[in-house]
């Protein structure tokens, strides 16, 4: 479900970018483009943060550390 929403959002961002390069955008379209880009960045950052929270590094001594520095046994 989220992939479909992101795909539609990305498609619209790309459509506006192409239109901006070819004929330009109306003020309403520029506002929509900014809003879509801001939403996309926020979702990307949230997903990246979740991915990093779930990343664990195992050190040679056997201890495991997350990106936030929490040690696990």
N, C-alpha and C. Protein backbone atom coordinates (compact mmCIF):
# COMPACT_ATOMS: atom_id res chain seq x y z
N UNK A 1 0.83 -1.20 0.00
CA UNK A 1 0.00 0.00 0.00
C UNK A 1 0.87 1.26 0.00
N UNK A 2 1.88 1.28 0.88
CA UNK A 2 2.75 2.46 0.97
C UNK A 2 3.53 2.65 -0.32
N UNK A 3 3.93 1.52 -0.96
CA UNK A 3 4.67 1.62 -2.22
C UNK A 3 3.83 2.28 -3.30
N UNK A 4 2.54 1.98 -3.33
CA UNK A 4 1.65 2.57 -4.33
C UNK A 4 1.53 4.07 -4.11
N UNK A 5 1.39 4.47 -2.86
CA UNK A 5 1.30 5.90 -2.54
C UNK A 5 2.59 6.61 -2.91
N UNK A 6 3.73 6.01 -2.55
CA UNK A 6 5.02 6.62 -2.87
C UNK A 6 5.23 6.67 -4.38
N UNK A 7 4.81 5.64 -5.07
CA UNK A 7 4.97 5.60 -6.52
C UNK A 7 4.13 6.70 -7.18
N UNK A 8 2.91 6.86 -6.74
CA UNK A 8 2.05 7.92 -7.29
C UNK A 8 2.63 9.29 -6.98
N UNK A 9 3.15 9.46 -5.76
CA UNK A 9 3.75 10.73 -5.38
C UNK A 9 5.00 11.01 -6.22
N UNK A 10 5.83 9.99 -6.39
CA UNK A 10 7.04 10.14 -7.19
C UNK A 10 6.71 10.44 -8.65
N UNK A 11 5.70 9.75 -9.17
CA UNK A 11 5.28 10.00 -10.55
C UNK A 11 4.84 11.46 -10.72
N UNK A 12 4.09 11.97 -9.75
CA UNK A 12 3.62 13.37 -9.84
C UNK A 12 4.79 14.34 -9.71
N UNK A 13 5.72 14.06 -8.83
CA UNK A 13 6.92 14.91 -8.69
C UNK A 13 7.67 14.96 -10.01
N UNK A 14 7.85 13.81 -10.65
CA UNK A 14 8.57 13.74 -11.92
C UNK A 14 7.80 14.45 -13.04
N UNK A 15 6.49 14.29 -13.02
CA UNK A 15 5.65 14.96 -14.02
C UNK A 15 5.79 16.48 -13.90
N UNK A 16 5.75 16.98 -12.68
CA UNK A 16 5.89 18.43 -12.47
C UNK A 16 7.29 18.90 -12.85
N UNK A 17 8.30 18.10 -12.57
CA UNK A 17 9.67 18.47 -12.94
C UNK A 17 9.83 18.58 -14.45
N UNK A 18 9.26 17.62 -15.17
CA UNK A 18 9.33 17.67 -16.64
C UNK A 18 8.59 18.90 -17.17
N UNK A 19 7.43 19.16 -16.61
CA UNK A 19 6.65 20.31 -17.07
C UNK A 19 7.39 21.61 -16.75
N UNK A 20 8.04 21.66 -15.59
CA UNK A 20 8.79 22.86 -15.21
C UNK A 20 9.90 23.14 -16.21
N UNK A 21 10.57 22.10 -16.67
CA UNK A 21 11.65 22.26 -17.64
C UNK A 21 11.13 22.66 -19.02
N UNK A 22 9.95 22.17 -19.38
CA UNK A 22 9.46 22.42 -20.74
C UNK A 22 8.67 23.72 -20.86
N UNK A 23 7.62 23.89 -20.08
CA UNK A 23 6.77 25.07 -20.25
C UNK A 23 6.64 25.92 -18.99
N UNK A 24 7.15 25.44 -17.88
CA UNK A 24 7.05 26.19 -16.64
C UNK A 24 5.83 25.76 -15.83
N UNK A 25 5.79 26.19 -14.59
CA UNK A 25 4.70 25.82 -13.69
C UNK A 25 3.93 27.06 -13.24
N UNK A 26 2.66 26.84 -12.97
CA UNK A 26 1.85 27.91 -12.38
C UNK A 26 2.23 28.01 -10.90
N UNK A 27 1.89 29.10 -10.25
CA UNK A 27 2.18 29.21 -8.80
C UNK A 27 1.55 28.06 -8.00
N UNK A 28 0.37 27.61 -8.39
CA UNK A 28 -0.27 26.50 -7.69
C UNK A 28 0.52 25.21 -7.86
N UNK A 29 1.02 24.98 -9.07
CA UNK A 29 1.81 23.78 -9.34
C UNK A 29 3.15 23.85 -8.60
N UNK A 30 3.75 25.03 -8.52
CA UNK A 30 5.00 25.17 -7.77
C UNK A 30 4.78 24.86 -6.30
N UNK A 31 3.64 25.31 -5.75
CA UNK A 31 3.31 25.02 -4.35
C UNK A 31 3.09 23.53 -4.16
N UNK A 32 2.40 22.89 -5.10
CA UNK A 32 2.16 21.45 -5.03
C UNK A 32 3.49 20.69 -5.10
N UNK A 33 4.38 21.13 -6.00
CA UNK A 33 5.67 20.49 -6.17
C UNK A 33 6.47 20.57 -4.86
N UNK A 34 6.48 21.73 -4.25
CA UNK A 34 7.21 21.91 -2.98
C UNK A 34 6.62 21.02 -1.90
N UNK A 35 5.30 20.98 -1.81
CA UNK A 35 4.62 20.15 -0.80
C UNK A 35 4.95 18.67 -1.01
N UNK A 36 4.88 18.20 -2.26
CA UNK A 36 5.17 16.80 -2.55
C UNK A 36 6.63 16.46 -2.23
N UNK A 37 7.53 17.35 -2.59
CA UNK A 37 8.95 17.10 -2.32
C UNK A 37 9.22 17.06 -0.82
N UNK A 38 8.61 17.99 -0.07
CA UNK A 38 8.79 18.01 1.38
C UNK A 38 8.25 16.73 2.02
N UNK A 39 7.08 16.28 1.56
CA UNK A 39 6.50 15.03 2.08
C UNK A 39 7.40 13.85 1.75
N UNK A 40 7.91 13.81 0.52
CA UNK A 40 8.78 12.73 0.09
C UNK A 40 10.03 12.67 0.96
N UNK A 41 10.65 13.83 1.20
CA UNK A 41 11.85 13.88 2.04
C UNK A 41 11.57 13.41 3.45
N UNK A 42 10.44 13.83 4.02
CA UNK A 42 10.09 13.43 5.38
C UNK A 42 9.91 11.92 5.48
N UNK A 43 9.22 11.34 4.51
CA UNK A 43 9.00 9.89 4.51
C UNK A 43 10.33 9.16 4.31
N UNK A 44 11.16 9.65 3.41
CA UNK A 44 12.46 9.04 3.17
C UNK A 44 13.31 9.05 4.43
N UNK A 45 13.36 10.20 5.11
CA UNK A 45 14.16 10.31 6.34
C UNK A 45 13.63 9.38 7.43
N UNK A 46 12.31 9.29 7.57
CA UNK A 46 11.73 8.41 8.58
C UNK A 46 12.06 6.95 8.29
N UNK A 47 11.94 6.55 7.03
CA UNK A 47 12.26 5.18 6.65
C UNK A 47 13.75 4.88 6.85
N UNK A 48 14.60 5.84 6.52
CA UNK A 48 16.04 5.65 6.69
C UNK A 48 16.39 5.52 8.17
N UNK A 49 15.76 6.35 9.01
CA UNK A 49 16.00 6.28 10.45
C UNK A 49 15.58 4.92 11.00
N UNK A 50 14.43 4.40 10.55
CA UNK A 50 13.99 3.07 10.98
C UNK A 50 14.98 1.99 10.55
N UNK A 51 15.48 2.13 9.34
CA UNK A 51 16.46 1.17 8.85
C UNK A 51 17.73 1.21 9.70
N UNK A 52 18.18 2.39 10.04
CA UNK A 52 19.38 2.52 10.86
C UNK A 52 19.15 2.01 12.28
N UNK A 53 17.95 2.21 12.82
CA UNK A 53 17.62 1.70 14.15
C UNK A 53 17.68 0.18 14.19
N UNK A 54 17.43 -0.46 13.06
CA UNK A 54 17.43 -1.92 13.01
C UNK A 54 18.76 -2.50 12.52
N UNK A 55 19.75 -1.65 12.33
CA UNK A 55 21.07 -2.11 11.88
C UNK A 55 21.94 -2.40 13.10
N UNK A 56 22.55 -3.57 13.13
CA UNK A 56 23.39 -3.97 14.26
C UNK A 56 24.77 -4.33 13.72
N UNK A 57 25.79 -3.80 14.40
CA UNK A 57 27.17 -4.10 14.04
C UNK A 57 27.74 -5.07 15.08
N UNK A 58 28.34 -6.14 14.60
CA UNK A 58 28.98 -7.07 15.52
C UNK A 58 30.48 -6.83 15.48
N UNK A 59 31.02 -6.54 16.64
CA UNK A 59 32.46 -6.25 16.76
C UNK A 59 33.24 -7.55 16.89
N UNK A 60 34.55 -7.49 16.65
CA UNK A 60 35.37 -8.71 16.75
C UNK A 60 35.28 -9.41 18.11
N UNK A 61 35.03 -8.64 19.18
CA UNK A 61 34.94 -9.26 20.51
C UNK A 61 33.57 -9.89 20.77
N UNK A 62 32.66 -9.81 19.79
CA UNK A 62 31.36 -10.45 19.92
C UNK A 62 30.24 -9.54 20.38
N UNK A 63 30.57 -8.33 20.83
CA UNK A 63 29.51 -7.42 21.25
C UNK A 63 28.81 -6.85 20.02
N UNK A 64 27.56 -6.56 20.22
CA UNK A 64 26.76 -6.00 19.12
C UNK A 64 26.38 -4.58 19.50
N UNK A 65 26.48 -3.67 18.52
CA UNK A 65 26.18 -2.26 18.74
C UNK A 65 25.23 -1.79 17.66
N UNK A 66 24.23 -1.00 18.06
CA UNK A 66 23.33 -0.41 17.09
C UNK A 66 23.88 0.95 16.67
N UNK A 67 23.25 1.57 15.70
CA UNK A 67 23.69 2.88 15.24
C UNK A 67 23.58 3.92 16.35
N UNK A 68 22.68 3.73 17.29
CA UNK A 68 22.52 4.70 18.38
C UNK A 68 23.53 4.45 19.48
N UNK A 69 24.35 3.40 19.35
CA UNK A 69 25.40 3.13 20.32
C UNK A 69 25.00 2.23 21.46
N UNK A 70 23.80 1.67 21.41
CA UNK A 70 23.37 0.77 22.47
C UNK A 70 24.04 -0.57 22.30
N UNK A 71 24.62 -1.06 23.37
CA UNK A 71 25.30 -2.36 23.33
C UNK A 71 24.33 -3.48 23.64
N UNK A 72 24.53 -4.59 22.97
CA UNK A 72 23.75 -5.81 23.22
C UNK A 72 24.72 -6.94 23.47
N UNK A 73 24.30 -7.92 24.21
CA UNK A 73 25.15 -9.09 24.47
C UNK A 73 24.84 -10.19 23.49
